[in-house]
Amino acid sequence: MEQVRSRQILLACASGLLLPFCFPKFDLGLLAWIALIPLHLALDQCSRRRAFWLGWLTGLVGFTGIMAWVVTAMTTYGKVPELVSYAILLLLTTYLGLYVGLYSLAVVWLRELIPRYGIFFAPCFWVALELFRTHLLSGLPWCLLGYSQYRELDLIQVADHTGVYGISYLIILVNVAFAELFLWIMPFFRGCHPVKLPWELLTTAAACMLLSWFYSSAVLSDRDRQSLKTFITVGVVQPNIDQAVKWDASFRDETMRRFDRLTAQLGTNADLVVWPEAATPFILEREKEYQLQLIAWAERAQAPILLGSPALRFYPDRRPYLLNSAYLLGTDGIVLGRYDKQHLVPFGEYIPLKSSLLFFLDKLVEGIGDFEAGPGPTTFSFSPKSWNTQRSSGSRPVKFGVAICYEVIFPDLVRQFAANGAEFLVTITNDGWFGPSSAPAQHFAMVVFRSVENHLAFARAANTGISGFIDPFGQIIDATPIFVEQASYTTIPTRQARTFYSYYGDVFAHACVIICALLCLFGYFRTKEPALTAITPA
């Protein structure tokens, strides 16, 4: 018995060790299709309680590898003692591991509830739990399983209907199918009569993979005819401002000189110039001298500049607060629009429950006061100068949406910009907090899915990288190295067409939640039947 338990623990740990390799920097996405097989083998003939703890162990090990950059962010830039940083990482991964634990419990429960066929519904539980992780306690959908396939464009186009959750569903379905196949094969080696071949599950997994591949192939083969008639040239500036001096008043002039120099390198080639999140180390609205400089640079570029800057506002009682904002500054000096970040980073831009439970904590982000969330999605519009020569575009303005930093990992938030008429998307961020870890590459990979889900091109400007461009179908057009100064421009398509996902959002994930709820109801009433039978008079 002890030997069996040790084997189960080793299998659970094996799955956990494989998971980080599925994501950047390792980028071994193919591993995702087999990474959870050891866990599923460990769950065979397992109690529900043990299944939960085995799954939790897999999650703990896996997320510790995936989220190891948290320690870098806290020790280097948050000035948190190293021991405390590791404790916080352990606390975070303990929480994230619960989702894998609940999934594992569901797998064993499904096998008991509907022998042979219950396992078909395991992917629904995984997707439901990923959806909960996206929204529960402010949400942390970092490195959902589907993101491991961000380079597999000939498979992931189905995300324009299902979102990234559909790819997670496929990965779990294939892992479950392979695990069941292993469980069918293993009795041969023990000289036993094998159980019946799980051909229904294998056939279902193969059919779903083929359908996804055929659909993706059709979308990609037709992309040149999918309303890609108008284009815009976007320039992105990556200033590589060290986080240690970013908010240092004595470094302010050097910061602006760097932006001046890099923006000048773009010449007049861009229709829109994009600077990163919190590009100005000051509150732009209160610095008239720097405003005049920005107007001059926009005039020189003959293009509006989109830039991140804090905005200062006051409560009715005159207490100050900050907004993490993006401004679109026109060549004539007029602010064409402002978007205030909706989804703030907990413990970075605000402290959850600060007034009641966590009053002793301070933010990891330097700045004055606390940040408040913006009111909702805002789309910008302007008239690109290049459209004067594009017959198909006419003289109308182009609309685009901006996701600031952390917001881009929330699928439903980004798709609201598309639903509101955005024809391309921009994300601005400061990933300097992460240092030379895997986080910048993980963050960039998630943007690919936002492009695929909405079939809109993305431009990304990051303080220290990765900056770049992604086409409407997830193809990475350009990506900069991290921690270099660079300015680049690329022509990307604009689209007015909308995807199913843009209109309706996470219908697929919510359908999985409904299926899980119905199964739970079925299980509840099924367990009641024997009790009712026992008390029914003959």
Protein backbone atom coordinates (compact mmCIF):
# COMPACT_ATOMS: atom_id res chain seq x y z
CA MET A 1 0.00 0.00 0.00
CA GLU A 2 2.84 2.37 0.87
CA GLN A 3 4.48 1.57 -2.46
CA VAL A 4 1.27 2.47 -4.30
CA ARG A 5 1.04 5.79 -2.46
CA SER A 6 4.65 6.64 -3.26
CA ARG A 7 4.03 5.86 -6.93
CA GLN A 8 0.97 8.11 -6.94
CA ILE A 9 2.91 10.99 -5.38
CA LEU A 10 5.72 10.58 -7.91
CA LEU A 11 3.25 10.59 -10.80
CA ALA A 12 1.52 13.71 -9.46
CA CYS A 13 4.88 15.46 -9.08
CA ALA A 14 5.89 14.38 -12.59
CA SER A 15 2.88 16.18 -14.06
CA GLY A 16 3.67 19.25 -11.98
CA LEU A 17 7.28 19.27 -13.17
CA LEU A 18 6.20 19.01 -16.82
CA LEU A 19 3.73 21.91 -16.71
CA PRO A 20 6.24 24.83 -16.60
CA PHE A 21 7.98 23.46 -19.69
CA CYS A 22 4.75 23.88 -21.69
CA PHE A 23 4.97 27.68 -21.44
CA PRO A 24 7.59 30.34 -22.27
CA LYS A 25 10.54 30.55 -21.83
CA PHE A 26 10.76 26.79 -22.44
CA ASP A 27 8.01 26.90 -25.08
CA LEU A 28 7.60 23.11 -25.34
CA GLY A 29 3.89 23.42 -26.09
CA LEU A 30 3.59 19.84 -27.36
CA LEU A 31 4.30 18.63 -23.82
CA ALA A 32 0.92 19.99 -22.74
CA TRP A 33 -0.82 17.18 -24.62
CA ILE A 34 0.81 14.56 -22.38
CA ALA A 35 1.85 16.52 -19.26
CA LEU A 36 -1.20 15.52 -17.21
CA ILE A 37 -1.17 11.83 -18.14
CA PRO A 38 0.89 10.92 -15.03
CA LEU A 39 -1.64 12.68 -12.78
CA HIS A 40 -4.55 10.83 -14.39
CA LEU A 41 -2.72 7.53 -13.95
CA ALA A 42 -2.19 8.37 -10.28
CA LEU A 43 -5.94 8.94 -9.89
CA ASP A 44 -6.81 5.39 -10.98
CA GLN A 45 -8.42 3.43 -8.13
CA CYS A 46 -7.98 6.46 -5.88
CA SER A 47 -10.26 7.81 -3.16
CA ARG A 48 -11.77 11.25 -3.64
CA ARG A 49 -9.85 12.69 -0.73
CA ARG A 50 -6.53 11.35 -1.98
CA ALA A 51 -7.36 12.49 -5.51
CA PHE A 52 -7.79 16.05 -4.28
CA TRP A 53 -4.43 16.10 -2.52
CA LEU A 54 -2.63 14.51 -5.48
CA GLY A 55 -4.11 17.13 -7.81
CA TRP A 56 -3.21 19.88 -5.37
CA LEU A 57 0.37 18.59 -5.31
CA THR A 58 0.52 18.68 -9.11
CA GLY A 59 -0.78 22.25 -9.08
CA LEU A 60 1.59 23.33 -6.32
CA VAL A 61 4.65 22.01 -8.16
CA GLY A 62 3.48 23.23 -11.57
CA PHE A 63 2.50 26.75 -10.57
CA THR A 64 5.65 27.17 -8.49
CA GLY A 65 7.63 26.67 -11.69
CA ILE A 66 5.34 28.85 -13.79
CA MET A 67 5.07 31.72 -11.29
CA ALA A 68 8.65 31.70 -9.97
CA TRP A 69 9.09 35.24 -11.34
CA VAL A 70 6.94 36.50 -8.43
CA VAL A 71 10.02 36.25 -6.19
CA THR A 72 12.06 38.40 -8.59
CA ALA A 73 9.36 41.07 -8.72
CA MET A 74 9.01 41.21 -4.94
CA THR A 75 12.64 41.04 -3.86
CA THR A 76 14.16 43.27 -6.55
CA TYR A 77 11.48 45.92 -6.95
CA GLY A 78 9.11 45.47 -4.04
CA LYS A 79 12.01 45.42 -1.54
CA VAL A 80 10.35 42.46 0.16
CA PRO A 81 12.77 40.19 2.09
CA GLU A 82 13.65 37.10 0.09
CA LEU A 83 12.27 34.69 2.70
CA VAL A 84 8.96 36.57 2.76
CA SER A 85 8.86 36.55 -1.06
CA TYR A 86 9.20 32.78 -1.14
CA ALA A 87 6.49 32.50 1.51
CA ILE A 88 4.16 34.65 -0.62
CA LEU A 89 4.94 32.53 -3.69
CA LEU A 90 4.12 29.40 -1.68
CA LEU A 91 0.86 30.95 -0.50
CA LEU A 92 -0.06 31.89 -4.08
CA THR A 93 0.75 28.48 -5.55
CA THR A 94 -1.02 26.76 -2.66
CA TYR A 95 -4.14 28.64 -3.70
CA LEU A 96 -3.69 27.94 -7.44
CA GLY A 97 -3.05 24.27 -6.69
CA LEU A 98 -6.57 24.01 -5.24
CA TYR A 99 -8.00 24.27 -8.76
CA VAL A 100 -6.06 21.22 -9.94
CA GLY A 101 -7.04 19.48 -6.71
CA LEU A 102 -10.74 20.11 -7.35
CA TYR A 103 -10.34 18.91 -10.92
CA SER A 104 -8.72 15.67 -9.73
CA LEU A 105 -11.50 15.13 -7.22
CA ALA A 106 -14.00 15.62 -10.07
CA VAL A 107 -12.23 13.00 -12.21
CA VAL A 108 -12.57 10.32 -9.51
CA TRP A 109 -16.15 11.37 -8.74
CA LEU A 110 -17.10 11.17 -12.44
CA ARG A 111 -15.68 7.66 -12.70
CA GLU A 112 -17.85 6.63 -9.76
CA LEU A 113 -20.93 8.50 -10.95
CA ILE A 114 -21.01 7.19 -14.53
CA PRO A 115 -18.61 4.25 -14.92
CA ARG A 116 -16.73 4.26 -18.23
CA TYR A 117 -18.48 7.36 -19.59
CA GLY A 118 -18.18 9.86 -16.74
CA ILE A 119 -14.60 10.67 -17.69
CA PHE A 120 -15.94 12.25 -20.92
CA PHE A 121 -16.97 15.25 -18.83
CA ALA A 122 -13.58 15.81 -17.15
CA PRO A 123 -12.57 18.57 -19.63
CA CYS A 124 -15.76 20.47 -18.75
CA PHE A 125 -14.68 20.58 -15.11
CA TRP A 126 -11.21 21.81 -16.06
CA VAL A 127 -12.68 24.62 -18.17
CA ALA A 128 -15.20 25.55 -15.46
CA LEU A 129 -12.37 25.81 -12.93
CA GLU A 130 -10.29 27.94 -15.31
CA LEU A 131 -13.27 30.27 -15.68
CA PHE A 132 -13.59 30.50 -11.90
CA ARG A 133 -9.86 31.23 -11.65
CA THR A 134 -10.33 34.06 -14.15
CA HIS A 135 -12.98 35.77 -12.02
CA LEU A 136 -12.69 34.60 -8.41
CA LEU A 137 -10.94 36.91 -5.92
CA SER A 138 -10.20 39.53 -8.60
CA GLY A 139 -9.03 36.78 -10.95
CA LEU A 140 -5.63 35.35 -11.91
CA PRO A 141 -5.92 33.63 -15.32
CA TRP A 142 -2.14 33.58 -15.78
CA CYS A 143 -0.98 30.71 -18.01
CA LEU A 144 -4.28 28.95 -18.54
CA LEU A 145 -3.46 25.61 -20.12
CA GLY A 146 -4.59 26.68 -23.60
CA TYR A 147 -1.95 29.42 -23.74
CA SER A 148 0.71 26.75 -24.18
CA GLN A 149 -0.45 26.44 -27.81
CA TYR A 150 0.01 30.09 -28.79
CA ARG A 151 2.36 29.12 -31.62
CA GLU A 152 0.04 26.45 -33.08
CA LEU A 153 -1.97 28.74 -35.36
CA ASP A 154 -3.26 25.81 -37.41
CA LEU A 155 -5.06 24.53 -34.30
CA ILE A 156 -6.14 27.50 -32.21
CA GLN A 157 -8.37 29.46 -34.62
CA VAL A 158 -11.37 27.78 -32.98
CA ALA A 159 -10.73 30.23 -30.13
CA ASP A 160 -12.70 32.78 -32.18
CA HIS A 161 -15.74 30.82 -30.91
CA THR A 162 -14.59 29.23 -27.66
CA GLY A 163 -11.91 31.58 -26.39
CA VAL A 164 -8.71 30.15 -24.94
CA TYR A 165 -10.89 27.82 -22.85
CA GLY A 166 -11.68 25.74 -25.93
CA ILE A 167 -8.00 24.95 -26.38
CA SER A 168 -7.70 24.01 -22.71
CA TYR A 169 -10.67 21.68 -23.25
CA LEU A 170 -8.91 19.97 -26.17
CA ILE A 171 -5.68 19.52 -24.22
CA ILE A 172 -7.45 17.93 -21.26
CA LEU A 173 -9.53 15.72 -23.55
CA VAL A 174 -6.38 14.38 -25.23
CA ASN A 175 -4.60 13.85 -21.88
CA VAL A 176 -7.61 11.95 -20.53
CA ALA A 177 -7.85 9.84 -23.70
CA PHE A 178 -4.17 8.89 -23.57
CA ALA A 179 -4.39 8.13 -19.85
CA GLU A 180 -7.38 5.84 -20.40
CA LEU A 181 -5.48 4.14 -23.21
CA PHE A 182 -2.55 3.52 -20.85
CA LEU A 183 -4.93 2.09 -18.25
CA TRP A 184 -6.28 -0.25 -20.93
CA ILE A 185 -2.79 -1.37 -21.99
CA MET A 186 -1.22 -1.89 -18.54
CA PRO A 187 -3.13 -5.10 -17.63
CA PHE A 188 -1.38 -6.83 -20.55
CA PHE A 189 1.93 -6.46 -18.73
CA ARG A 190 0.46 -7.98 -15.57
CA GLY A 191 -0.95 -10.98 -17.42
CA CYS A 192 -4.52 -9.88 -16.70
CA HIS A 193 -7.52 -9.59 -18.95
CA PRO A 194 -7.73 -5.96 -20.02
CA VAL A 195 -10.79 -3.83 -19.59
CA LYS A 196 -12.71 -2.79 -22.68
CA LEU A 197 -10.83 -0.46 -25.02
CA PRO A 198 -12.07 3.13 -24.43
CA TRP A 199 -12.65 3.59 -28.15
CA GLU A 200 -15.48 6.10 -27.65
CA LEU A 201 -13.18 8.48 -25.76
CA LEU A 202 -10.33 8.02 -28.22
CA THR A 203 -12.66 8.62 -31.15
CA THR A 204 -14.11 11.74 -29.53
CA ALA A 205 -10.66 13.18 -28.84
CA ALA A 206 -9.50 12.46 -32.39
CA ALA A 207 -12.68 13.95 -33.86
CA CYS A 208 -12.39 17.15 -31.80
CA MET A 209 -8.75 17.57 -32.78
CA LEU A 210 -9.53 17.04 -36.45
CA LEU A 211 -12.45 19.47 -36.36
CA SER A 212 -10.28 22.11 -34.72
CA TRP A 213 -7.51 21.54 -37.26
CA PHE A 214 -9.87 21.63 -40.26
CA TYR A 215 -11.59 24.78 -38.99
CA SER A 216 -8.27 26.51 -38.30
CA SER A 217 -6.92 25.52 -41.71
CA ALA A 218 -10.02 26.93 -43.38
CA VAL A 219 -9.74 30.22 -41.47
CA LEU A 220 -6.04 30.60 -42.25
CA SER A 221 -6.43 29.72 -45.93
CA ASP A 222 -9.20 32.30 -46.23
CA ARG A 223 -7.58 35.07 -44.19
CA ASP A 224 -6.42 37.08 -47.21
CA ARG A 225 -10.06 37.53 -48.18
CA GLN A 226 -11.46 38.19 -44.69
CA SER A 227 -11.97 41.96 -44.91
CA LEU A 228 -8.23 42.70 -44.76
CA LYS A 229 -8.62 45.69 -47.06
CA THR A 230 -7.40 48.56 -44.91
CA PHE A 231 -4.10 48.91 -43.12
CA ILE A 232 -2.49 51.22 -40.62
CA THR A 233 1.16 51.74 -39.72
CA VAL A 234 1.84 51.72 -35.99
CA GLY A 235 5.12 52.62 -34.32
CA VAL A 236 6.00 51.33 -30.86
CA VAL A 237 8.64 52.75 -28.54
CA GLN A 238 10.49 50.57 -26.03
CA PRO A 239 12.58 52.96 -23.86
CA ASN A 240 14.02 50.35 -21.46
CA ILE A 241 13.82 52.58 -18.38
CA ASP A 242 15.30 50.79 -15.37
CA GLN A 243 12.64 50.23 -12.75
CA ALA A 244 15.03 51.43 -10.06
CA VAL A 245 15.10 54.96 -11.55
CA LYS A 246 11.76 55.10 -13.35
CA TRP A 247 10.11 57.27 -10.69
CA ASP A 248 13.28 59.13 -9.68
CA ALA A 249 12.68 62.87 -10.24
CA SER A 250 16.37 63.38 -11.09
CA PHE A 251 16.04 60.90 -13.98
CA ARG A 252 12.89 62.52 -15.40
CA ASP A 253 14.63 64.60 -18.08
CA GLU A 254 16.70 61.63 -19.24
CA THR A 255 13.51 59.56 -19.52
CA MET A 256 11.90 62.17 -21.77
CA ARG A 257 15.07 62.59 -23.86
CA ARG A 258 15.02 58.85 -24.46
CA PHE A 259 11.41 58.98 -25.63
CA ASP A 260 12.29 61.95 -27.86
CA ARG A 261 15.21 60.10 -29.46
CA LEU A 262 13.32 56.86 -30.06
CA THR A 263 10.20 58.59 -31.36
CA ALA A 264 12.38 60.57 -33.79
CA GLN A 265 13.75 57.27 -35.15
CA LEU A 266 10.26 56.45 -36.42
CA GLY A 267 10.34 59.53 -38.65
CA THR A 268 6.96 60.19 -40.22
CA ASN A 269 6.36 56.55 -41.13
CA ALA A 270 3.76 55.80 -38.45
CA ASP A 271 0.08 56.71 -38.41
CA LEU A 272 0.11 56.17 -34.64
CA VAL A 273 2.99 56.19 -32.15
CA VAL A 274 2.58 54.07 -29.01
CA TRP A 275 4.51 54.52 -25.78
CA PRO A 276 4.34 52.06 -22.85
CA GLU A 277 2.24 52.07 -19.70
CA ALA A 278 3.11 54.88 -17.25
CA ALA A 279 5.54 56.25 -19.82
CA THR A 280 5.71 59.66 -18.15
CA PRO A 281 7.26 59.60 -14.66
CA PHE A 282 4.87 62.36 -13.65
CA ILE A 283 1.19 63.31 -13.88
CA LEU A 284 0.93 64.55 -17.46
CA GLU A 285 -2.08 66.80 -16.88
CA ARG A 286 -0.10 68.87 -14.35
CA GLU A 287 3.12 69.34 -16.33
CA LYS A 288 2.57 72.05 -18.97
CA GLU A 289 6.21 72.16 -20.07
CA TYR A 290 6.30 68.45 -20.85
CA GLN A 291 2.90 68.69 -22.54
CA LEU A 292 4.35 71.22 -25.00
CA GLN A 293 7.27 68.87 -25.70
CA LEU A 294 4.88 66.01 -26.42
CA ILE A 295 2.84 68.15 -28.79
CA ALA A 296 6.01 69.10 -30.66
CA TRP A 297 7.03 65.45 -30.96
CA ALA A 298 3.57 64.48 -32.24
CA GLU A 299 3.78 67.27 -34.84
CA ARG A 300 7.21 66.06 -35.91
CA ALA A 301 5.95 62.48 -36.28
CA GLN A 302 2.79 63.74 -38.04
CA ALA A 303 0.93 61.20 -35.93
CA PRO A 304 -0.92 61.13 -32.62
CA ILE A 305 0.92 59.64 -29.65
CA LEU A 306 -0.73 57.10 -27.35
CA LEU A 307 0.99 57.07 -23.98
CA GLY A 308 0.44 55.85 -20.45
CA SER A 309 0.43 58.33 -17.58
CA PRO A 310 -1.11 58.53 -14.12
CA ALA A 311 -4.15 60.79 -13.75
CA LEU A 312 -4.86 62.51 -10.44
CA ARG A 313 -8.44 62.81 -9.23
CA PHE A 314 -10.15 63.62 -5.93
CA TYR A 315 -12.90 62.02 -3.89
CA PRO A 316 -15.79 64.27 -2.78
CA ASP A 317 -13.96 64.78 0.54
CA ARG A 318 -10.89 65.99 -1.45
CA ARG A 319 -8.76 62.93 -0.75
CA PRO A 320 -6.57 62.23 -3.81
CA TYR A 321 -6.47 59.03 -5.80
CA LEU A 322 -4.82 57.91 -9.03
CA LEU A 323 -6.01 56.41 -12.28
CA ASN A 324 -3.70 54.34 -14.48
CA SER A 325 -4.55 56.01 -17.76
CA ALA A 326 -3.79 55.96 -21.47
CA TYR A 327 -3.98 59.28 -23.35
CA LEU A 328 -4.26 59.80 -27.09
CA LEU A 329 -2.59 63.12 -27.87
CA GLY A 330 -3.28 64.60 -31.31
CA THR A 331 -0.80 66.48 -33.46
CA ASP A 332 -2.64 69.70 -32.67
CA GLY A 333 -2.19 69.21 -28.93
CA ILE A 334 -5.78 68.16 -28.30
CA VAL A 335 -6.33 65.08 -26.13
CA LEU A 336 -8.38 62.87 -28.45
CA GLY A 337 -9.35 60.48 -25.68
CA ARG A 338 -8.41 58.90 -22.37
CA TYR A 339 -8.91 55.37 -21.10
CA ASP A 340 -8.62 54.49 -17.42
CA LYS A 341 -7.50 50.99 -16.51
CA GLN A 342 -10.46 48.90 -15.32
CA HIS A 343 -8.80 45.83 -13.82
CA LEU A 344 -6.12 46.80 -11.35
CA VAL A 345 -3.31 44.56 -10.11
CA PRO A 346 -4.02 43.45 -6.52
CA PHE A 347 -1.14 44.28 -4.15
CA GLY A 348 0.45 46.28 -7.00
CA GLU A 349 -2.01 49.08 -7.66
CA TYR A 350 -4.29 48.57 -4.70
CA ILE A 351 -4.52 46.49 -1.53
CA PRO A 352 -7.64 44.31 -1.32
CA LEU A 353 -9.48 44.65 2.00
CA LYS A 354 -6.96 47.26 3.09
CA SER A 355 -9.36 49.10 5.38
CA SER A 356 -10.34 45.96 7.28
CA LEU A 357 -7.92 43.03 7.12
CA LEU A 358 -4.76 44.00 5.23
CA PHE A 359 -4.18 47.48 6.63
CA PHE A 360 -0.56 46.63 7.43
CA LEU A 361 0.46 46.10 3.78
CA ASP A 362 1.67 48.73 1.35
CA LYS A 363 1.66 48.56 -2.43
CA LEU A 364 4.58 47.11 -4.36
CA VAL A 365 4.18 49.89 -6.94
CA GLU A 366 5.86 53.19 -6.24
CA GLY A 367 3.58 56.22 -6.59
CA ILE A 368 1.40 58.60 -4.68
CA GLY A 369 -1.82 57.32 -3.21
CA ASP A 370 -3.95 54.36 -4.25
CA PHE A 371 -5.21 53.61 -7.74
CA GLU A 372 -8.90 53.37 -8.55
CA ALA A 373 -10.46 51.38 -11.39
CA GLY A 374 -11.79 53.14 -14.47
CA PRO A 375 -15.47 53.10 -15.47
CA GLY A 376 -15.32 50.71 -18.42
CA PRO A 377 -14.06 50.06 -21.96
CA THR A 378 -13.27 53.11 -24.08
CA THR A 379 -12.42 53.13 -27.76
CA PHE A 380 -10.24 55.81 -29.36
CA SER A 381 -10.61 57.14 -32.88
CA PHE A 382 -8.44 59.25 -35.18
CA SER A 383 -7.86 59.76 -38.90
CA PRO A 384 -4.67 57.98 -40.08
CA LYS A 385 -2.70 60.03 -42.57
CA SER A 386 -1.97 56.96 -44.72
CA TRP A 387 -5.68 56.45 -45.33
CA ASN A 388 -5.65 59.47 -47.61
CA THR A 389 -3.97 57.21 -50.17
CA GLN A 390 -5.97 54.02 -49.43
CA ARG A 391 -9.06 54.01 -51.63
CA SER A 392 -10.82 51.31 -49.61
CA SER A 393 -10.57 53.27 -46.36
CA GLY A 394 -12.09 56.53 -47.52
CA SER A 395 -11.82 59.45 -45.13
CA ARG A 396 -13.42 57.87 -42.06
CA PRO A 397 -11.55 57.64 -38.73
CA VAL A 398 -10.24 54.34 -37.40
CA LYS A 399 -11.28 53.00 -33.98
CA PHE A 400 -9.07 51.04 -31.61
CA GLY A 401 -9.05 49.84 -28.02
CA VAL A 402 -6.28 49.80 -25.40
CA ALA A 403 -5.68 47.18 -22.73
CA ILE A 404 -3.28 48.31 -20.02
CA CYS A 405 -0.81 45.70 -18.75
CA TYR A 406 -2.56 43.03 -16.65
CA GLU A 407 -5.89 43.62 -18.42
CA VAL A 408 -4.77 41.79 -21.54
CA ILE A 409 -4.84 38.42 -19.75
CA PHE A 410 -8.61 38.75 -19.23
CA PRO A 411 -10.33 37.48 -22.40
CA ASP A 412 -13.78 38.88 -21.70
CA LEU A 413 -12.44 42.34 -20.88
CA VAL A 414 -10.49 42.64 -24.14
CA ARG A 415 -13.33 41.36 -26.31
CA GLN A 416 -15.48 44.27 -25.07
CA PHE A 417 -13.26 46.65 -27.05
CA ALA A 418 -13.92 44.59 -30.18
CA ALA A 419 -17.64 44.49 -29.44
CA ASN A 420 -17.57 48.30 -29.16
CA GLY A 421 -16.18 48.67 -32.67
CA ALA A 422 -12.39 48.56 -32.32
CA GLU A 423 -10.68 47.76 -35.64
CA PHE A 424 -7.32 46.94 -34.09
CA LEU A 425 -6.06 46.66 -30.51
CA VAL A 426 -3.16 48.04 -28.52
CA THR A 427 -1.70 46.94 -25.23
CA ILE A 428 0.75 49.03 -23.22
CA THR A 429 2.64 47.60 -20.28
CA ASN A 430 5.64 47.88 -18.00
CA ASP A 431 7.09 44.40 -17.57
CA GLY A 432 10.27 45.75 -16.02
CA TRP A 433 9.02 44.42 -12.68
CA PHE A 434 9.65 40.86 -13.83
CA GLY A 435 13.36 41.16 -14.56
CA PRO A 436 14.93 38.63 -16.95
CA SER A 437 12.41 35.94 -15.99
CA SER A 438 9.88 33.95 -17.99
CA ALA A 439 7.06 36.41 -17.19
CA PRO A 440 7.56 38.86 -20.12
CA ALA A 441 7.40 35.98 -22.62
CA GLN A 442 4.40 34.43 -20.85
CA HIS A 443 2.64 37.81 -20.86
CA PHE A 444 3.32 38.31 -24.58
CA ALA A 445 2.10 34.80 -25.44
CA MET A 446 -1.30 35.53 -23.93
CA VAL A 447 -1.76 38.50 -26.28
CA VAL A 448 -1.71 36.06 -29.21
CA PHE A 449 -4.99 34.57 -28.05
CA ARG A 450 -6.63 37.98 -27.73
CA SER A 451 -5.83 38.49 -31.43
CA VAL A 452 -7.21 35.09 -32.42
CA GLU A 453 -10.36 35.40 -30.30
CA ASN A 454 -11.32 38.71 -31.89
CA HIS A 455 -9.46 38.45 -35.22
CA LEU A 456 -7.95 41.86 -34.62
CA ALA A 457 -4.31 42.87 -34.96
CA PHE A 458 -2.42 43.87 -31.83
CA ALA A 459 0.38 46.38 -31.28
CA ARG A 460 2.25 46.08 -27.98
CA ALA A 461 4.53 48.64 -26.36
CA ALA A 462 6.40 47.50 -23.25
CA ASN A 463 8.88 49.56 -21.25
CA THR A 464 11.55 46.84 -21.20
CA GLY A 465 9.99 44.45 -23.73
CA ILE A 466 8.58 42.40 -25.20
CA SER A 467 7.17 44.94 -27.67
CA GLY A 468 5.83 43.84 -31.02
CA PHE A 469 2.98 43.21 -33.41
CA ILE A 470 0.56 40.32 -33.90
CA ASP A 471 -1.73 39.88 -36.89
CA PRO A 472 -5.50 39.15 -36.57
CA PHE A 473 -4.89 35.40 -36.64
CA GLY A 474 -2.16 35.18 -34.02
CA GLN A 475 0.92 35.37 -36.24
CA ILE A 476 3.71 37.22 -34.42
CA ILE A 477 4.92 39.76 -36.97
CA ASP A 478 7.66 41.25 -34.82
CA ALA A 479 8.88 40.89 -31.24
CA THR A 480 11.71 42.79 -29.59
CA PRO A 481 14.28 41.37 -27.18
CA ILE A 482 13.88 42.38 -23.54
CA PHE A 483 15.98 45.10 -21.90
CA VAL A 484 16.99 46.94 -25.07
CA GLU A 485 16.08 50.41 -26.35
CA GLN A 486 14.19 50.08 -29.60
CA ALA A 487 11.67 51.82 -31.82
CA SER A 488 9.97 49.96 -34.64
CA TYR A 489 6.98 50.32 -36.91
CA THR A 490 4.88 47.83 -38.83
CA THR A 491 1.82 47.96 -41.06
CA ILE A 492 -1.06 45.95 -39.62
CA PRO A 493 -4.56 45.30 -40.99
CA THR A 494 -7.69 46.83 -39.54
CA ARG A 495 -10.98 44.92 -39.52
CA GLN A 496 -14.58 45.86 -38.89
CA ALA A 497 -15.80 42.24 -38.91
CA ARG A 498 -16.58 40.66 -35.54
CA THR A 499 -16.12 37.09 -34.35
CA PHE A 500 -18.61 34.98 -32.43
CA TYR A 501 -16.40 35.42 -29.37
CA SER A 502 -16.34 39.21 -29.76
CA TYR A 503 -20.13 39.31 -29.72
CA TYR A 504 -20.98 36.63 -27.16
CA GLY A 505 -17.89 36.10 -25.03
CA ASP A 506 -17.36 32.99 -22.92
CA VAL A 507 -20.44 31.05 -24.04
CA PHE A 508 -18.39 27.86 -24.35
CA ALA A 509 -16.91 28.17 -20.86
CA HIS A 510 -20.30 28.97 -19.36
CA ALA A 511 -21.77 25.94 -21.14
CA CYS A 512 -19.11 23.83 -19.42
CA VAL A 513 -20.14 25.33 -16.07
CA ILE A 514 -23.78 24.45 -16.77
CA ILE A 515 -22.85 20.87 -17.69
CA CYS A 516 -20.88 20.56 -14.45
CA ALA A 517 -23.80 21.94 -12.45
CA LEU A 518 -26.22 19.47 -14.08
CA LEU A 519 -23.86 16.59 -13.33
CA CYS A 520 -23.65 17.69 -9.70
CA LEU A 521 -27.45 17.76 -9.51
CA PHE A 522 -27.62 14.33 -11.11
CA GLY A 523 -25.08 13.01 -8.61
CA TYR A 524 -26.96 14.57 -5.70
CA PHE A 525 -30.31 13.02 -6.61
CA ARG A 526 -28.69 9.70 -7.47
CA THR A 527 -27.21 9.43 -3.98
CA LYS A 528 -30.64 10.23 -2.54
CA GLU A 529 -32.36 7.38 -4.42
CA PRO A 530 -31.10 4.50 -2.20
CA ALA A 531 -32.17 6.39 0.92
CA LEU A 532 -35.63 7.05 -0.53
CA THR A 533 -35.95 3.41 -1.58
CA ALA A 534 -35.00 2.27 1.93
CA ILE A 535 -37.78 4.27 3.62
CA THR A 536 -40.48 3.61 1.03
CA PRO A 537 -43.03 1.08 2.44
CA ALA A 538 -43.44 -2.16 0.53
